[in-house]
PDB file of N, CA and C in Angstrom:
ATOM      1  N   MET A   1       0.894  -1.151  -0.136  1.00  0.00           N
ATOM      2  CA  MET A   1       0.382   0.128  -0.306  1.00  0.00           C
ATOM      3  C   MET A   1       0.713   1.174   0.340  1.00  0.00           C
ATOM      4  N   ILE A   2       1.730   1.190   0.748  1.00  0.00           N
ATOM      5  CA  ILE A   2       2.780   2.559   0.816  1.00  0.00           C
ATOM      6  C   ILE A   2       3.643   2.691  -0.424  1.00  0.00           C
ATOM      7  N   TYR A   3       3.774   1.507  -1.507  1.00  0.00           N
ATOM      8  CA  TYR A   3       4.176   1.830  -2.919  1.00  0.00           C
ATOM      9  C   TYR A   3       3.667   2.726  -3.203  1.00  0.00           C
ATOM     10  N   VAL A   4       2.716   1.559  -3.236  1.00  0.00           N
ATOM     11  CA  VAL A   4       1.463   2.516  -3.795  1.00  0.00           C
ATOM     12  C   VAL A   4       1.273   3.588  -4.112  1.00  0.00           C
ATOM     13  N   MET A   5       1.237   4.126  -3.554  1.00  0.00           N
ATOM     14  CA  MET A   5       0.763   5.248  -2.544  1.00  0.00           C
ATOM     15  C   MET A   5       1.610   6.347  -2.641  1.00  0.00           C
ATOM     16  N   THR A   6       2.697   5.849  -2.453  1.00  0.00           N
ATOM     17  CA  THR A   6       4.191   6.490  -1.908  1.00  0.00           C
ATOM     18  C   THR A   6       5.377   6.678  -3.327  1.00  0.00           C
ATOM     19  N   GLY A   7       5.465   4.946  -3.235  1.00  0.00           N
ATOM     20  CA  GLY A   7       6.041   4.523  -4.865  1.00  0.00           C
ATOM     21  C   GLY A   7       7.520   4.809  -4.117  1.00  0.00           C
ATOM     22  N   LYS A   8       7.347   3.973  -2.863  1.00  0.00           N
ATOM     23  CA  LYS A   8       8.743   4.049  -1.809  1.00  0.00           C
ATOM     24  C   LYS A   8       8.595   2.849  -1.319  1.00  0.00           C
ATOM     25  N   MET A   9       9.234   2.546  -1.780  1.00  0.00           N
ATOM     26  CA  MET A   9       9.819   1.070  -0.951  1.00  0.00           C
ATOM     27  C   MET A   9      10.178   0.673  -0.039  1.00  0.00           C
ATOM     28  N   VAL A  10       9.380   0.402   1.386  1.00  0.00           N
ATOM     29  CA  VAL A  10      10.345   1.468   2.866  1.00  0.00           C
ATOM     30  C   VAL A  10      10.319   0.327   3.094  1.00  0.00           C
ATOM     31  N   PHE A  11      10.678  -1.342   3.453  1.00  0.00           N
ATOM     32  CA  PHE A  11      10.609  -2.313   3.854  1.00  0.00           C
ATOM     33  C   PHE A  11      12.586  -2.826   2.865  1.00  0.00           C
ATOM     34  N   HIS A  12      12.739  -2.341   1.985  1.00  0.00           N
ATOM     35  CA  HIS A  12      13.149  -2.786   0.527  1.00  0.00           C
ATOM     36  C   HIS A  12      14.882  -2.746   1.290  1.00  0.00           C
ATOM     37  N   VAL A  13      15.423  -3.766   2.211  1.00  0.00           N
ATOM     38  CA  VAL A  13      17.071  -3.043   1.674  1.00  0.00           C
ATOM     39  C   VAL A  13      18.581  -4.574   1.235  1.00  0.00           C
ATOM     40  N   GLY A  14      17.867  -4.939  -0.337  1.00  0.00           N
ATOM     41  CA  GLY A  14      18.985  -4.531  -0.275  1.00  0.00           C
ATOM     42  C   GLY A  14      19.312  -7.148  -0.581  1.00  0.00           C
ATOM     43  N   TRP A  15      19.719  -7.310  -1.029  1.00  0.00           N
ATOM     44  CA  TRP A  15      19.688  -8.476  -1.424  1.00  0.00           C
ATOM     45  C   TRP A  15      20.728  -8.892   0.013  1.00  0.00           C
ATOM     46  N   ASP A  16      21.450  -8.336  -0.543  1.00  0.00           N
ATOM     47  CA  ASP A  16      22.871  -8.440  -0.308  1.00  0.00           C
ATOM     48  C   ASP A  16      22.856  -8.751   0.986  1.00  0.00           C
ATOM     49  N   LYS A  17      21.770  -7.344   2.241  1.00  0.00           N
ATOM     50  CA  LYS A  17      22.263  -7.625   3.194  1.00  0.00           C
ATOM     51  C   LYS A  17      20.701  -7.856   3.481  1.00  0.00           C
ATOM     52  N   LEU A  18      19.683  -9.719   2.508  1.00  0.00           N
ATOM     53  CA  LEU A  18      18.555 -10.004   3.299  1.00  0.00           C
ATOM     54  C   LEU A  18      19.161 -11.236   3.429  1.00  0.00           C
ATOM     55  N   ASP A  19      20.565 -11.560   2.910  1.00  0.00           N
ATOM     56  CA  ASP A  19      21.726 -12.876   2.170  1.00  0.00           C
ATOM     57  C   ASP A  19      22.409 -14.069   3.492  1.00  0.00           C
ATOM     58  N   ALA A  20      22.329 -11.987   3.913  1.00  0.00           N
ATOM     59  CA  ALA A  20      23.480 -12.356   5.383  1.00  0.00           C
ATOM     60  C   ALA A  20      22.228 -12.768   6.760  1.00  0.00           C
ATOM     61  N   GLU A  21      23.625 -13.296   7.695  1.00  0.00           N
ATOM     62  CA  GLU A  21      23.091 -13.731   8.699  1.00  0.00           C
ATOM     63  C   GLU A  21      22.324 -13.307   9.155  1.00  0.00           C
ATOM     64  N   ASP A  22      22.468 -11.529   9.527  1.00  0.00           N
ATOM     65  CA  ASP A  22      21.585 -11.125  10.424  1.00  0.00           C
ATOM     66  C   ASP A  22      19.735  -9.634   9.628  1.00  0.00           C
ATOM     67  N   ALA A  23      20.173 -10.895   8.990  1.00  0.00           N
ATOM     68  CA  ALA A  23      19.607 -10.406   7.507  1.00  0.00           C
ATOM     69  C   ALA A  23      17.288  -9.826   7.904  1.00  0.00           C
ATOM     70  N   TRP A  24      17.121 -10.728   9.440  1.00  0.00           N
ATOM     71  CA  TRP A  24      16.047 -10.561  10.699  1.00  0.00           C
ATOM     72  C   TRP A  24      16.414  -8.025  10.458  1.00  0.00           C
ATOM     73  N   ARG A  25      17.743  -7.961  11.509  1.00  0.00           N
ATOM     74  CA  ARG A  25      18.308  -6.746  11.833  1.00  0.00           C
ATOM     75  C   ARG A  25      17.319  -4.943  10.646  1.00  0.00           C
ATOM     76  N   HIS A  26      17.590  -5.900   9.762  1.00  0.00           N
ATOM     77  CA  HIS A  26      17.386  -3.869   8.410  1.00  0.00           C
ATOM     78  C   HIS A  26      16.620  -4.917   8.283  1.00  0.00           C
ATOM     79  N   VAL A  27      16.230  -5.511   8.262  1.00  0.00           N
ATOM     80  CA  VAL A  27      13.833  -5.539   7.862  1.00  0.00           C
ATOM     81  C   VAL A  27      13.126  -5.095   9.403  1.00  0.00           C
ATOM     82  N   LEU A  28      13.715  -5.148  10.435  1.00  0.00           N
ATOM     83  CA  LEU A  28      12.931  -4.754  11.604  1.00  0.00           C
ATOM     84  C   LEU A  28      13.794  -3.782  12.309  1.00  0.00           C
ATOM     85  N   SER A  29      15.180  -2.967  11.557  1.00  0.00           N
ATOM     86  CA  SER A  29      15.234  -2.102  11.678  1.00  0.00           C
ATOM     87  C   SER A  29      14.450  -0.801  11.501  1.00  0.00           C
ATOM     88  N   ARG A  30      14.191  -1.512   9.902  1.00  0.00           N
ATOM     89  CA  ARG A  30      13.080  -0.617   9.616  1.00  0.00           C
ATOM     90  C   ARG A  30      11.442   0.053   9.951  1.00  0.00           C
ATOM     91  N   HIS A  31      11.836  -1.279  10.370  1.00  0.00           N
ATOM     92  CA  HIS A  31       9.524  -1.708  10.081  1.00  0.00           C
ATOM     93  C   HIS A  31       9.985  -0.696  11.793  1.00  0.00           C
ATOM     94  N   ILE A  32      11.481  -0.428  12.586  1.00  0.00           N
ATOM     95  CA  ILE A  32      11.180   0.768  13.649  1.00  0.00           C
ATOM     96  C   ILE A  32      10.954   2.038  13.917  1.00  0.00           C
ATOM     97  N   SER A  33      12.285   2.546  12.464  1.00  0.00           N
ATOM     98  CA  SER A  33      12.335   3.201  12.566  1.00  0.00           C
ATOM     99  C   SER A  33      10.788   4.161  12.330  1.00  0.00           C
ATOM    100  N   TYR A  34      10.585   3.465  10.788  1.00  0.00           N
ATOM    101  CA  TYR A  34       8.897   4.142  10.332  1.00  0.00           C
ATOM    102  C   TYR A  34       7.943   4.435  11.332  1.00  0.00           C
ATOM    103  N   PHE A  35       7.174   2.593  11.737  1.00  0.00           N
ATOM    104  CA  PHE A  35       6.092   2.709  13.254  1.00  0.00           C
ATOM    105  C   PHE A  35       6.216   2.038  13.639  1.00  0.00           C
ATOM    106  N   ALA A  36       7.278   2.896  15.128  1.00  0.00           N
ATOM    107  CA  ALA A  36       7.373   1.995  15.873  1.00  0.00           C
ATOM    108  C   ALA A  36       7.393   2.607  16.778  1.00  0.00           C
ATOM    109  N   ASP A  37       5.834   3.477  17.589  1.00  0.00           N
ATOM    110  CA  ASP A  37       6.194   4.501  18.430  1.00  0.00           C
ATOM    111  C   ASP A  37       6.450   3.729  20.062  1.00  0.00           C
ATOM    112  N   GLU A  38       6.590   5.199  21.133  1.00  0.00           N
ATOM    113  CA  GLU A  38       6.801   3.789  22.432  1.00  0.00           C
ATOM    114  C   GLU A  38       6.068   2.756  22.875  1.00  0.00           C
ATOM    115  N   GLU A  39       3.882   3.416  23.390  1.00  0.00           N
ATOM    116  CA  GLU A  39       3.000   2.512  23.529  1.00  0.00           C
ATOM    117  C   GLU A  39       2.778   1.272  22.560  1.00  0.00           C
ATOM    118  N   GLY A  40       2.498   0.992  21.275  1.00  0.00           N
ATOM    119  CA  GLY A  40       3.878  -0.138  20.287  1.00  0.00           C
ATOM    120  C   GLY A  40       5.126  -0.850  20.302  1.00  0.00           C
ATOM    121  N   PHE A  41       6.185  -0.625  20.355  1.00  0.00           N
ATOM    122  CA  PHE A  41       6.966  -1.089  21.149  1.00  0.00           C
ATOM    123  C   PHE A  41       6.895  -1.460  22.647  1.00  0.00           C
ATOM    124  N   ASN A  42       6.951  -1.487  24.075  1.00  0.00           N
ATOM    125  CA  ASN A  42       5.679  -2.116  24.945  1.00  0.00           C
ATOM    126  C   ASN A  42       4.999  -3.187  24.575  1.00  0.00           C
ATOM    127  N   GLY A  43       4.614  -2.806  23.813  1.00  0.00           N
ATOM    128  CA  GLY A  43       3.421  -4.003  23.835  1.00  0.00           C
ATOM    129  C   GLY A  43       3.457  -4.650  23.558  1.00  0.00           C
ATOM    130  N   LEU A  44       4.732  -4.871  22.500  1.00  0.00           N
ATOM    131  CA  LEU A  44       5.342  -6.151  21.488  1.00  0.00           C
ATOM    132  C   LEU A  44       5.776  -6.664  21.953  1.00  0.00           C
ATOM    133  N   LEU A  45       7.062  -5.304  23.403  1.00  0.00           N
ATOM    134  CA  LEU A  45       7.920  -6.406  24.119  1.00  0.00           C
ATOM    135  C   LEU A  45       7.136  -7.509  25.664  1.00  0.00           C
ATOM    136  N   LYS A  46       5.524  -7.069  25.659  1.00  0.00           N
ATOM    137  CA  LYS A  46       4.942  -7.016  26.327  1.00  0.00           C
ATOM    138  C   LYS A  46       4.604  -8.759  26.041  1.00  0.00           C
ATOM    139  N   HIS A  47       3.927  -8.534  24.566  1.00  0.00           N
ATOM    140  CA  HIS A  47       3.415  -9.831  23.827  1.00  0.00           C
ATOM    141  C   HIS A  47       4.730 -10.685  24.129  1.00  0.00           C
ATOM    142  N   ILE A  48       6.578 -10.373  23.607  1.00  0.00           N
ATOM    143  CA  ILE A  48       6.879 -11.063  23.634  1.00  0.00           C
ATOM    144  C   ILE A  48       7.104 -12.174  24.279  1.00  0.00           C
ATOM    145  N   GLN A  49       7.350 -11.887  25.722  1.00  0.00           N
ATOM    146  CA  GLN A  49       8.057 -12.011  27.386  1.00  0.00           C
ATOM    147  C   GLN A  49       9.598 -11.205  27.408  1.00  0.00           C
ATOM    148  N   LYS A  50       9.754 -11.673  28.567  1.00  0.00           N
ATOM    149  CA  LYS A  50      11.775 -11.179  27.828  1.00  0.00           C
ATOM    150  C   LYS A  50      12.658 -12.850  27.642  1.00  0.00           C
ATOM    151  N   GLU A  51      11.802 -13.673  28.416  1.00  0.00           N
ATOM    152  CA  GLU A  51      12.359 -15.686  28.073  1.00  0.00           C
ATOM    153  C   GLU A  51      12.396 -15.224  26.508  1.00  0.00           C
ATOM    154  N   ASN A  52      11.965 -15.112  25.876  1.00  0.00           N
ATOM    155  CA  ASN A  52      12.220 -14.876  24.391  1.00  0.00           C
ATOM    156  C   ASN A  52      13.694 -14.411  23.861  1.00  0.00           C
ATOM    157  N   PRO A  53      14.284 -14.797  23.249  1.00  0.00           N
ATOM    158  CA  PRO A  53      15.308 -14.927  22.792  1.00  0.00           C
ATOM    159  C   PRO A  53      15.136 -13.285  22.292  1.00  0.00           C
ATOM    160  N   PHE A  54      14.152 -13.303  21.430  1.00  0.00           N
ATOM    161  CA  PHE A  54      14.512 -11.828  20.578  1.00  0.00           C
ATOM    162  C   PHE A  54      14.021 -10.458  21.551  1.00  0.00           C
ATOM    163  N   PHE A  55      13.628 -10.085  22.818  1.00  0.00           N
ATOM    164  CA  PHE A  55      13.828  -9.956  23.718  1.00  0.00           C
ATOM    165  C   PHE A  55      14.616  -8.498  24.234  1.00  0.00           C
ATOM    166  N   GLU A  56      16.038  -9.219  24.798  1.00  0.00           N
ATOM    167  CA  GLU A  56      17.008  -8.192  24.442  1.00  0.00           C
ATOM    168  C   GLU A  56      17.738  -7.906  22.886  1.00  0.00           C
ATOM    169  N   ARG A  57      17.133  -8.748  22.412  1.00  0.00           N
ATOM    170  CA  ARG A  57      17.646  -7.797  20.537  1.00  0.00           C
ATOM    171  C   ARG A  57      17.385  -7.233  20.035  1.00  0.00           C
ATOM    172  N   LEU A  58      15.483  -6.919  20.102  1.00  0.00           N
ATOM    173  CA  LEU A  58      14.686  -5.885  20.160  1.00  0.00           C
ATOM    174  C   LEU A  58      14.302  -4.778  21.050  1.00  0.00           C
ATOM    175  N   VAL A  59      15.491  -4.616  22.305  1.00  0.00           N
ATOM    176  CA  VAL A  59      15.250  -3.327  23.040  1.00  0.00           C
ATOM    177  C   VAL A  59      17.000  -2.872  22.403  1.00  0.00           C
ATOM    178  N   SER A  60      17.904  -4.017  22.157  1.00  0.00           N
ATOM    179  CA  SER A  60      19.019  -2.883  21.559  1.00  0.00           C
ATOM    180  C   SER A  60      18.755  -2.773  20.116  1.00  0.00           C
ATOM    181  N   LEU A  61      18.498  -2.866  19.533  1.00  0.00           N
ATOM    182  CA  LEU A  61      18.088  -2.962  17.946  1.00  0.00           C
ATOM    183  C   LEU A  61      17.382  -0.978  17.836  1.00  0.00           C
ATOM    184  N   ALA A  62      15.569  -0.748  19.466  1.00  0.00           N
ATOM    185  CA  ALA A  62      15.304   0.284  18.764  1.00  0.00           C
ATOM    186  C   ALA A  62      16.183   0.901  19.510  1.00  0.00           C
ATOM    187  N   GLU A  63      17.013   0.626  20.519  1.00  0.00           N
ATOM    188  CA  GLU A  63      17.801   2.290  20.649  1.00  0.00           C
ATOM    189  C   GLU A  63      18.993   2.273  19.499  1.00  0.00           C
ATOM    190  N   SER A  64      20.035   1.842  18.490  1.00  0.00           N
ATOM    191  CA  SER A  64      20.577   1.979  17.745  1.00  0.00           C
ATOM    192  C   SER A  64      19.578   3.043  16.574  1.00  0.00           C
ATOM    193  N   VAL A  65      18.173   1.599  16.526  1.00  0.00           N
ATOM    194  CA  VAL A  65      17.739   2.586  15.029  1.00  0.00           C
ATOM    195  C   VAL A  65      17.309   4.326  15.394  1.00  0.00           C
ATOM    196  N   PRO A  66      18.201   5.214  14.471  1.00  0.00           N
ATOM    197  CA  PRO A  66      17.255   6.601  13.612  1.00  0.00           C
ATOM    198  C   PRO A  66      15.641   6.214  13.278  1.00  0.00           C
ATOM    199  N   ARG A  67      14.996   7.363  14.319  1.00  0.00           N
ATOM    200  CA  ARG A  67      13.797   7.237  13.581  1.00  0.00           C
ATOM    201  C   ARG A  67      13.276   8.714  13.210  1.00  0.00           C
ATOM    202  N   GLN A  68      12.555   7.749  12.355  1.00  0.00           N
ATOM    203  CA  GLN A  68      11.729   8.289  10.534  1.00  0.00           C
ATOM    204  C   GLN A  68      10.249   8.446  10.837  1.00  0.00           C
ATOM    205  N   PRO A  69       9.798   8.253  11.944  1.00  0.00           N
ATOM    206  CA  PRO A  69       8.016   8.267  11.591  1.00  0.00           C
ATOM    207  C   PRO A  69       7.102   8.526  10.324  1.00  0.00           C
ATOM    208  N   PHE A  70       6.613   7.328  10.253  1.00  0.00           N
ATOM    209  CA  PHE A  70       5.933   7.103   8.442  1.00  0.00           C
ATOM    210  C   PHE A  70       5.035   8.895   8.998  1.00  0.00           C
ATOM    211  N   GLU A  71       4.002   8.735   9.992  1.00  0.00           N
ATOM    212  CA  GLU A  71       3.401   9.560  10.814  1.00  0.00           C
ATOM    213  C   GLU A  71       3.683  11.316  10.586  1.00  0.00           C
ATOM    214  N   ALA A  72       5.093  11.003   9.927  1.00  0.00           N
ATOM    215  CA  ALA A  72       6.150  12.693   9.898  1.00  0.00           C
ATOM    216  C   ALA A  72       5.975  12.996   8.702  1.00  0.00           C
ATOM    217  N   TRP A  73       5.273  12.311   7.939  1.00  0.00           N
ATOM    218  CA  TRP A  73       6.026  12.431   6.246  1.00  0.00           C
ATOM    219  C   TRP A  73       5.189  13.384   6.010  1.00  0.00           C
ATOM    220  N   GLY A  74       5.328  13.909   5.489  1.00  0.00           N
ATOM    221  CA  GLY A  74       4.239  15.062   5.121  1.00  0.00           C
ATOM    222  C   GLY A  74       3.176  14.665   3.442  1.00  0.00           C
ATOM    223  N   SER A  75       4.770  13.975   2.381  1.00  0.00           N
ATOM    224  CA  SER A  75       3.683  14.043   1.259  1.00  0.00           C
ATOM    225  C   SER A  75       2.611  12.887   1.538  1.00  0.00           C
ATOM    226  N   VAL A  76       2.454  12.386   2.892  1.00  0.00           N
ATOM    227  CA  VAL A  76       1.306  11.158   2.953  1.00  0.00           C
ATOM    228  C   VAL A  76      -0.603  11.661   3.760  1.00  0.00           C
ATOM    229  N   GLU A  77      -1.462  12.262   2.652  1.00  0.00           N
ATOM    230  CA  GLU A  77      -2.678  12.696   3.014  1.00  0.00           C
ATOM    231  C   GLU A  77      -2.924  12.079   4.527  1.00  0.00           C
ATOM    232  N   PRO A  78      -3.805  12.808   5.718  1.00  0.00           N
ATOM    233  CA  PRO A  78      -3.603  12.296   7.491  1.00  0.00           C
ATOM    234  C   PRO A  78      -4.334  11.121   7.068  1.00  0.00           C
ATOM    235  N   GLU A  79      -5.327  10.601   5.967  1.00  0.00           N
ATOM    236  CA  GLU A  79      -6.368   9.767   6.179  1.00  0.00           C
ATOM    237  C   GLU A  79      -5.253   8.219   6.371  1.00  0.00           C
ATOM    238  N   LEU A  80      -4.777   8.244   4.982  1.00  0.00           N
ATOM    239  CA  LEU A  80      -3.440   6.890   4.885  1.00  0.00           C
ATOM    240  C   LEU A  80      -2.193   6.785   6.256  1.00  0.00           C
ATOM    241  N   LYS A  81      -2.087   7.985   7.019  1.00  0.00           N
ATOM    242  CA  LYS A  81      -1.498   8.019   7.983  1.00  0.00           C
ATOM    243  C   LYS A  81      -1.480   7.377   8.840  1.00  0.00           C
ATOM    244  N   ASN A  82      -3.089   7.578   9.208  1.00  0.00           N
ATOM    245  CA  ASN A  82      -4.045   7.091  10.315  1.00  0.00           C
ATOM    246  C   ASN A  82      -3.375   6.076  10.444  1.00  0.00           C
ATOM    247  N   LEU A  83      -4.077   5.588   8.701  1.00  0.00           N
ATOM    248  CA  LEU A  83      -4.624   3.819   8.476  1.00  0.00           C
ATOM    249  C   LEU A  83      -3.859   2.946   8.318  1.00  0.00           C
ATOM    250  N   VAL A  84      -1.846   2.855   7.942  1.00  0.00           N
ATOM    251  CA  VAL A  84      -1.568   2.315   8.185  1.00  0.00           C
ATOM    252  C   VAL A  84      -0.334   2.497   9.311  1.00  0.00           C
ATOM    253  N   GLY A  85      -0.336   3.945   9.701  1.00  0.00           N
ATOM    254  CA  GLY A  85       0.261   2.956  11.805  1.00  0.00           C
ATOM    255  C   GLY A  85      -0.528   2.370  12.370  1.00  0.00           C
ATOM    256  N   LYS A  86      -1.659   1.956  11.870  1.00  0.00           N
ATOM    257  CA  LYS A  86      -2.800   1.156  13.040  1.00  0.00           C
ATOM    258  C   LYS A  86      -2.663   0.018  11.957  1.00  0.00           C
ATOM    259  N   MET A  87      -2.212   0.144   9.945  1.00  0.00           N
ATOM    260  CA  MET A  87      -2.634  -1.187  10.768  1.00  0.00           C
ATOM    261  C   MET A  87      -0.385  -2.132  10.986  1.00  0.00           C
ATOM    262  N   THR A  88       0.166  -1.635  11.052  1.00  0.00           N
ATOM    263  CA  THR A  88       1.615  -1.870  11.602  1.00  0.00           C
ATOM    264  C   THR A  88       1.225  -1.523  12.517  1.00  0.00           C
ATOM    265  N   CYS A  89       1.078  -1.186  13.458  1.00  0.00           N
ATOM    266  CA  CYS A  89       1.348  -1.147  15.261  1.00  0.00           C
ATOM    267  C   CYS A  89       2.147  -2.690  15.586  1.00  0.00           C
ATOM    268  N   LEU A  90       2.924  -1.578  16.235  1.00  0.00           N
ATOM    269  CA  LEU A  90       3.932  -3.485  16.887  1.00  0.00           C
ATOM    270  C   LEU A  90       3.634  -4.053  17.550  1.00  0.00           C
ATOM    271  N   ASP A  91       2.296  -3.757  18.303  1.00  0.00           N
ATOM    272  CA  ASP A  91       1.365  -4.856  19.575  1.00  0.00           C
ATOM    273  C   ASP A  91       0.444  -4.637  19.124  1.00  0.00           C
ATOM    274  N   PRO A  92       0.296  -6.208  19.087  1.00  0.00           N
ATOM    275  CA  PRO A  92      -0.347  -7.169  18.288  1.00  0.00           C
ATOM    276  C   PRO A  92      -1.950  -7.155  18.758  1.00  0.00           C
ATOM    277  N   SER A  93      -2.377  -5.933  20.120  1.00  0.00           N
ATOM    278  CA  SER A  93      -3.271  -6.236  20.406  1.00  0.00           C
ATOM    279  C   SER A  93      -4.120  -4.499  20.128  1.00  0.00           C
ATOM    280  N   ARG A  94      -3.296  -3.942  19.897  1.00  0.00           N
ATOM    281  CA  ARG A  94      -3.950  -2.424  18.785  1.00  0.00           C
ATOM    282  C   ARG A  94      -3.600  -2.788  17.505  1.00  0.00           C
ATOM    283  N   ARG A  95      -3.419  -4.232  17.104  1.00  0.00           N
ATOM    284  CA  ARG A  95      -3.568  -3.518  15.813  1.00  0.00           C
ATOM    285  C   ARG A  95      -4.601  -3.760  14.676  1.00  0.00           C
ATOM    286  N   ILE A  96      -4.378  -3.100  13.490  1.00  0.00           N
ATOM    287  CA  ILE A  96      -6.598  -3.666  13.232  1.00  0.00           C
ATOM    288  C   ILE A  96      -6.925  -4.507  12.529  1.00  0.00           C
ATOM    289  N   THR A  97      -7.197  -5.357  12.472  1.00  0.00           N
ATOM    290  CA  THR A  97      -7.928  -5.999  11.843  1.00  0.00           C
ATOM    291  C   THR A  97      -7.659  -6.378  10.567  1.00  0.00           C
ATOM    292  N   ALA A  98      -7.650  -7.077   9.071  1.00  0.00           N
ATOM    293  CA  ALA A  98      -8.253  -6.949   7.596  1.00  0.00           C
ATOM    294  C   ALA A  98      -9.721  -5.937   8.028  1.00  0.00           C
ATOM    295  N   ALA A  99     -10.197  -7.267   7.642  1.00  0.00           N
ATOM    296  CA  ALA A  99     -11.908  -6.016   8.096  1.00  0.00           C
ATOM    297  C   ALA A  99     -12.155  -5.007   8.561  1.00  0.00           C
ATOM    298  N   GLU A 100     -11.379  -4.837   9.945  1.00  0.00           N
ATOM    299  CA  GLU A 100     -10.972  -2.992  10.201  1.00  0.00           C
ATOM    300  C   GLU A 100     -11.026  -2.729   9.061  1.00  0.00           C
ATOM    301  N   ALA A 101     -10.013  -2.622   8.875  1.00  0.00           N
ATOM    302  CA  ALA A 101      -8.738  -1.544   7.888  1.00  0.00           C
ATOM    303  C   ALA A 101     -10.090  -1.554   6.102  1.00  0.00           C
ATOM    304  N   LEU A 102     -10.306  -2.397   6.658  1.00  0.00           N
ATOM    305  CA  LEU A 102     -11.928  -2.045   5.195  1.00  0.00           C
ATOM    306  C   LEU A 102     -12.756  -0.829   5.390  1.00  0.00           C
ATOM    307  N   GLU A 103     -13.106  -0.741   7.067  1.00  0.00           N
ATOM    308  CA  GLU A 103     -13.945  -0.798   6.909  1.00  0.00           C
ATOM    309  C   GLU A 103     -13.437   1.315   7.568  1.00  0.00           C
ATOM    310  N   HIS A 104     -12.137   1.544   7.293  1.00  0.00           N
ATOM    311  CA  HIS A 104     -11.392   3.005   7.985  1.00  0.00           C
ATOM    312  C   HIS A 104     -12.186   4.043   6.624  1.00  0.00           C
ATOM    313  N   PRO A 105     -11.723   4.964   6.939  1.00  0.00           N
ATOM    314  CA  PRO A 105     -12.232   6.229   6.056  1.00  0.00           C
ATOM    315  C   PRO A 105     -11.192   5.561   4.947  1.00  0.00           C
ATOM    316  N   TRP A 106     -10.358   6.076   4.993  1.00  0.00           N
ATOM    317  CA  TRP A 106      -9.098   5.990   3.691  1.00  0.00           C
ATOM    318  C   TRP A 106      -9.554   4.990   2.868  1.00  0.00           C
ATOM    319  N   PHE A 107     -10.093   4.500   2.900  1.00  0.00           N
ATOM    320  CA  PHE A 107     -11.353   2.808   2.881  1.00  0.00           C
ATOM    321  C   PHE A 107     -12.293   3.353   1.345  1.00  0.00           C
ATOM    322  N   LYS A 108     -12.855   4.237   2.284  1.00  0.00           N
ATOM    323  CA  LYS A 108     -14.246   3.888   1.850  1.00  0.00           C
ATOM    324  C   LYS A 108     -13.786   5.223   0.762  1.00  0.00           C
ATOM    325  N   SER A 109     -13.200   6.247   1.626  1.00  0.00           N
ATOM    326  CA  SER A 109     -12.466   7.753  -0.026  1.00  0.00           C
ATOM    327  C   SER A 109     -12.295   7.246  -0.563  1.00  0.00           C
ATOM    328  N   ALA A 110     -12.086   6.024  -1.360  1.00  0.00           N
ATOM    329  CA  ALA A 110     -11.533   5.802  -1.761  1.00  0.00           C
ATOM    330  C   ALA A 110     -11.420   4.864  -3.330  1.00  0.00           C
ATOM    331  N   TRP A 111     -12.624   4.153  -2.613  1.00  0.00           N
ATOM    332  CA  TRP A 111     -13.269   4.472  -3.713  1.00  0.00           C
ATOM    333  C   TRP A 111     -14.876   4.912  -4.231  1.00  0.00           C
ATOM    334  N   MET A 112     -14.888   6.021  -2.992  1.00  0.00           N
ATOM    335  CA  MET A 112     -15.565   6.394  -3.783  1.00  0.00           C
ATOM    336  C   MET A 112     -15.372   7.628  -4.581  1.00  0.00           C
ATOM    337  N   LYS A 113     -13.278   7.202  -4.925  1.00  0.00           N
ATOM    338  CA  LYS A 113     -13.383   8.408  -5.563  1.00  0.00           C
ATOM    339  C   LYS A 113     -13.312   7.273  -7.128  1.00  0.00           C
ATOM    340  N   GLY A 114     -13.096   5.831  -6.483  1.00  0.00           N
ATOM    341  CA  GLY A 114     -12.423   5.059  -8.379  1.00  0.00           C
ATOM    342  C   GLY A 114     -13.986   4.697  -8.279  1.00  0.00           C
TER     343      GLY A 114
END
């Protein structure tokens, strides 16, 4: 959706990084950079719990990733930013379902335009 509306492949990191042993780090760092707010990130940590081997990796990664929040992108209309933010929320308990996304005002206005 982001690519179609903005022309930007926000998760594309290059095949060289995807073939690396730490490929997860490259893609996840982009997700954190663009879509992680404090509440969502804390919700994800609560969901996976400290016993999960990725818990400390996530904490360390989040501390080192420069933030470029999608919500601050001036070229994206507010309703689309709102929808994408709800769809990409790191906290599973706050992330909307596909059915809820289709009921979002952005989709309703997009269908009216089309």
